[in-house]
């Protein structure tokens, strides 16, 4: 789709602001992120940045949405080459992919897993990732008829993100412990839901 020049310039500036914020977060602590710093590093006037984002939190929230979309894309691509033999293996494939995403993007880890804004990830954003995980499990080994599959996989996704968040906060990185706990807890929840008649 071709946008009118003015709209395209606005979109380009928004992307420049977000790209600059991402670069800052890759190399500096979250506290370094400010409208002033982003504006200087993006080569924009502060008023131009304020035109699109009133606060640093607005930038963070928009970046989180961008990161979640990218995480879901990475997850979708990664899972195309993985097939799980059982529920635990399917969930481990998912958690491994999510951990890989965060390890490759320190800014995403800082914003999403360290919960710097509340809520860190909206329910609608989590639904996208949950749908991808559900599709992987169903495509790999199938699921019996169960009550509210979508809701079950939303909770599974919340479990995964919560455990990875705790792991990142406690260990300052994502570790094998976080991976194993996220898989164990999400698998236990799934099995308990499967044991409940639909």
Foldseek 3Di string as FASTA:
>chain_A
DDDPPVVVVLVVVLVLLLVLQQVCQVPHAPVVDFLVVSCVVSVHDSVSSCVPPVTSVSSLQVNLLVLLVVLLVQLLVQLVPDADPDLLRLVLSNLVSSQVSCVVRVSNCNQQLQCPDPPSDDLVSLLSNLVSSLCSNCVRPRADDFPPSSVLSSVLSVLLSNLQSVCCVVVVGGDPVSSVRSSVVSVVSVVVRSVDHD
